[in-house]
Amino acid sequence: MNFDHDIQSLTDLKLHTSEFVRQLKETSAPLVLTINGKAELVVQDAVSYQKPFDLAEEAKVLEGIRQGMDDVSAGRTQPVRDALEDIRRELNVP
């Protein structure tokens, strides 16, 4: 974080909105806004905001794959025909 550019007053944002929007898009760095000298808000571009959510979703998918591979390694799987037969039996489907 660059304190000269990344921490600004809300008043400065109001006065120079287009410059701050350009900075946010170019750097992807969040901007800390102060009110009465105290950090109160953080602003960032939409792409940077979305990135942690995408990474979290990817981590969930990878964890599911890892768990599936652990099941295969531990022998906790069965052929699909056997699985479908078990489901039919549980649901009383001929």
C-alpha atoms as a PDB file:
ATOM      1  CA  MET A   1       0.000   0.000   0.000  1.00  0.00           C
ATOM      2  CA  ASN A   2       1.313   3.409  -0.985  1.00  0.00           C
ATOM      3  CA  PHE A   3       0.269   5.821   1.764  1.00  0.00           C
ATOM      4  CA  ASP A   4       0.711   8.835  -0.524  1.00  0.00           C
ATOM      5  CA  HIS A   5      -1.832   7.490  -3.020  1.00  0.00           C
ATOM      6  CA  ASP A   6      -3.844   4.777  -1.291  1.00  0.00           C
ATOM      7  CA  ILE A   7      -5.073   6.723   1.761  1.00  0.00           C
ATOM      8  CA  GLN A   8      -7.126   9.770   0.935  1.00  0.00           C
ATOM      9  CA  SER A   9      -9.890  11.822   2.473  1.00  0.00           C
ATOM     10  CA  LEU A  10     -13.486  11.339   1.420  1.00  0.00           C
ATOM     11  CA  THR A  11     -13.499  15.045   0.554  1.00  0.00           C
ATOM     12  CA  ASP A  12     -10.616  14.526  -1.913  1.00  0.00           C
ATOM     13  CA  LEU A  13     -12.530  11.653  -3.501  1.00  0.00           C
ATOM     14  CA  LYS A  14     -15.565  13.892  -3.951  1.00  0.00           C
ATOM     15  CA  LEU A  15     -13.448  16.641  -5.512  1.00  0.00           C
ATOM     16  CA  HIS A  16     -11.359  14.381  -7.785  1.00  0.00           C
ATOM     17  CA  THR A  17     -13.611  11.384  -8.435  1.00  0.00           C
ATOM     18  CA  SER A  18     -12.499  10.742 -12.020  1.00  0.00           C
ATOM     19  CA  GLU A  19      -8.815  10.734 -11.020  1.00  0.00           C
ATOM     20  CA  PHE A  20      -9.458   8.243  -8.234  1.00  0.00           C
ATOM     21  CA  VAL A  21     -11.515   6.003 -10.524  1.00  0.00           C
ATOM     22  CA  ARG A  22      -8.640   6.009 -13.034  1.00  0.00           C
ATOM     23  CA  GLN A  23      -6.169   5.161 -10.249  1.00  0.00           C
ATOM     24  CA  LEU A  24      -8.340   2.304  -8.979  1.00  0.00           C
ATOM     25  CA  LYS A  25      -8.638   0.800 -12.448  1.00  0.00           C
ATOM     26  CA  GLU A  26      -4.942   1.199 -13.277  1.00  0.00           C
ATOM     27  CA  THR A  27      -3.475  -0.084 -10.024  1.00  0.00           C
ATOM     28  CA  SER A  28      -6.186  -2.469  -8.748  1.00  0.00           C
ATOM     29  CA  ALA A  29      -5.054  -1.313  -5.305  1.00  0.00           C
ATOM     30  CA  PRO A  30      -7.760  -0.509  -2.765  1.00  0.00           C
ATOM     31  CA  LEU A  31      -8.175   3.063  -1.626  1.00  0.00           C
ATOM     32  CA  VAL A  32      -8.629   3.820   2.068  1.00  0.00           C
ATOM     33  CA  LEU A  33     -10.853   6.833   2.657  1.00  0.00           C
ATOM     34  CA  THR A  34     -10.638   8.902   5.794  1.00  0.00           C
ATOM     35  CA  ILE A  35     -13.303  10.987   7.468  1.00  0.00           C
ATOM     36  CA  ASN A  36     -12.035  13.547   9.952  1.00  0.00           C
ATOM     37  CA  GLY A  37      -8.580  11.969   9.696  1.00  0.00           C
ATOM     38  CA  LYS A  38      -9.782   8.476  10.648  1.00  0.00           C
ATOM     39  CA  ALA A  39      -9.834   5.535   8.207  1.00  0.00           C
ATOM     40  CA  GLU A  40     -13.517   4.748   7.623  1.00  0.00           C
ATOM     41  CA  LEU A  41     -14.000   3.190   4.170  1.00  0.00           C
ATOM     42  CA  VAL A  42     -12.189   1.082   1.614  1.00  0.00           C
ATOM     43  CA  VAL A  43     -12.972   1.421  -2.084  1.00  0.00           C
ATOM     44  CA  GLN A  44     -11.733  -0.839  -4.853  1.00  0.00           C
ATOM     45  CA  ASP A  45     -12.467  -1.701  -8.472  1.00  0.00           C
ATOM     46  CA  ALA A  46     -15.029  -4.406  -9.210  1.00  0.00           C
ATOM     47  CA  VAL A  47     -12.546  -6.901 -10.697  1.00  0.00           C
ATOM     48  CA  SER A  48     -10.331  -6.762  -7.598  1.00  0.00           C
ATOM     49  CA  TYR A  49     -13.376  -7.046  -5.353  1.00  0.00           C
ATOM     50  CA  GLN A  50     -14.568 -10.194  -7.162  1.00  0.00           C
ATOM     51  CA  LYS A  51     -11.172 -11.945  -7.143  1.00  0.00           C
ATOM     52  CA  PRO A  52     -11.273 -13.271  -3.521  1.00  0.00           C
ATOM     53  CA  PHE A  53     -14.752 -14.705  -4.115  1.00  0.00           C
ATOM     54  CA  ASP A  54     -13.524 -16.502  -7.235  1.00  0.00           C
ATOM     55  CA  LEU A  55     -10.507 -17.852  -5.362  1.00  0.00           C
ATOM     56  CA  ALA A  56     -12.718 -19.087  -2.520  1.00  0.00           C
ATOM     57  CA  GLU A  57     -14.976 -20.900  -5.003  1.00  0.00           C
ATOM     58  CA  GLU A  58     -11.972 -22.462  -6.695  1.00  0.00           C
ATOM     59  CA  ALA A  59     -10.664 -23.613  -3.304  1.00  0.00           C
ATOM     60  CA  LYS A  60     -14.024 -25.303  -2.584  1.00  0.00           C
ATOM     61  CA  VAL A  61     -13.897 -27.121  -5.922  1.00  0.00           C
ATOM     62  CA  LEU A  62     -10.317 -28.252  -5.359  1.00  0.00           C
ATOM     63  CA  GLU A  63     -11.203 -29.470  -1.859  1.00  0.00           C
ATOM     64  CA  GLY A  64     -14.074 -31.513  -3.309  1.00  0.00           C
ATOM     65  CA  ILE A  65     -11.727 -33.059  -5.840  1.00  0.00           C
ATOM     66  CA  ARG A  66      -9.177 -33.803  -3.102  1.00  0.00           C
ATOM     67  CA  GLN A  67     -11.852 -35.497  -1.000  1.00  0.00           C
ATOM     68  CA  GLY A  68     -12.925 -37.547  -4.012  1.00  0.00           C
ATOM     69  CA  MET A  69      -9.360 -38.640  -4.654  1.00  0.00           C
ATOM     70  CA  ASP A  70      -9.000 -39.583  -0.975  1.00  0.00           C
ATOM     71  CA  ASP A  71     -12.162 -41.696  -1.301  1.00  0.00           C
ATOM     72  CA  VAL A  72     -10.728 -43.459  -4.361  1.00  0.00           C
ATOM     73  CA  SER A  73      -7.422 -44.093  -2.575  1.00  0.00           C
ATOM     74  CA  ALA A  74      -9.204 -45.432   0.511  1.00  0.00           C
ATOM     75  CA  GLY A  75     -11.471 -47.707  -1.542  1.00  0.00           C
ATOM     76  CA  ARG A  76     -14.666 -45.823  -0.614  1.00  0.00           C
ATOM     77  CA  THR A  77     -16.039 -45.963  -4.143  1.00  0.00           C
ATOM     78  CA  GLN A  78     -18.117 -48.374  -6.163  1.00  0.00           C
ATOM     79  CA  PRO A  79     -19.001 -48.860  -9.825  1.00  0.00           C
ATOM     80  CA  VAL A  80     -21.810 -46.595 -11.044  1.00  0.00           C
ATOM     81  CA  ARG A  81     -24.061 -49.580 -11.838  1.00  0.00           C
ATOM     82  CA  ASP A  82     -23.809 -50.733  -8.219  1.00  0.00           C
ATOM     83  CA  ALA A  83     -24.484 -47.213  -6.962  1.00  0.00           C
ATOM     84  CA  LEU A  84     -27.574 -46.885  -9.176  1.00  0.00           C
ATOM     85  CA  GLU A  85     -28.820 -50.270  -8.019  1.00  0.00           C
ATOM     86  CA  ASP A  86     -28.411 -49.180  -4.371  1.00  0.00           C
ATOM     87  CA  ILE A  87     -30.382 -45.999  -5.098  1.00  0.00           C
ATOM     88  CA  ARG A  88     -33.162 -47.947  -6.864  1.00  0.00           C
ATOM     89  CA  ARG A  89     -33.359 -50.334  -3.927  1.00  0.00           C
ATOM     90  CA  GLU A  90     -33.503 -47.481  -1.361  1.00  0.00           C
ATOM     91  CA  LEU A  91     -36.245 -45.690  -3.328  1.00  0.00           C
ATOM     92  CA  ASN A  92     -38.137 -48.893  -4.183  1.00  0.00           C
ATOM     93  CA  VAL A  93     -37.792 -48.232  -7.917  1.00  0.00           C
ATOM     94  CA  PRO A  94     -37.920 -51.309 -10.142  1.00  0.00           C
END
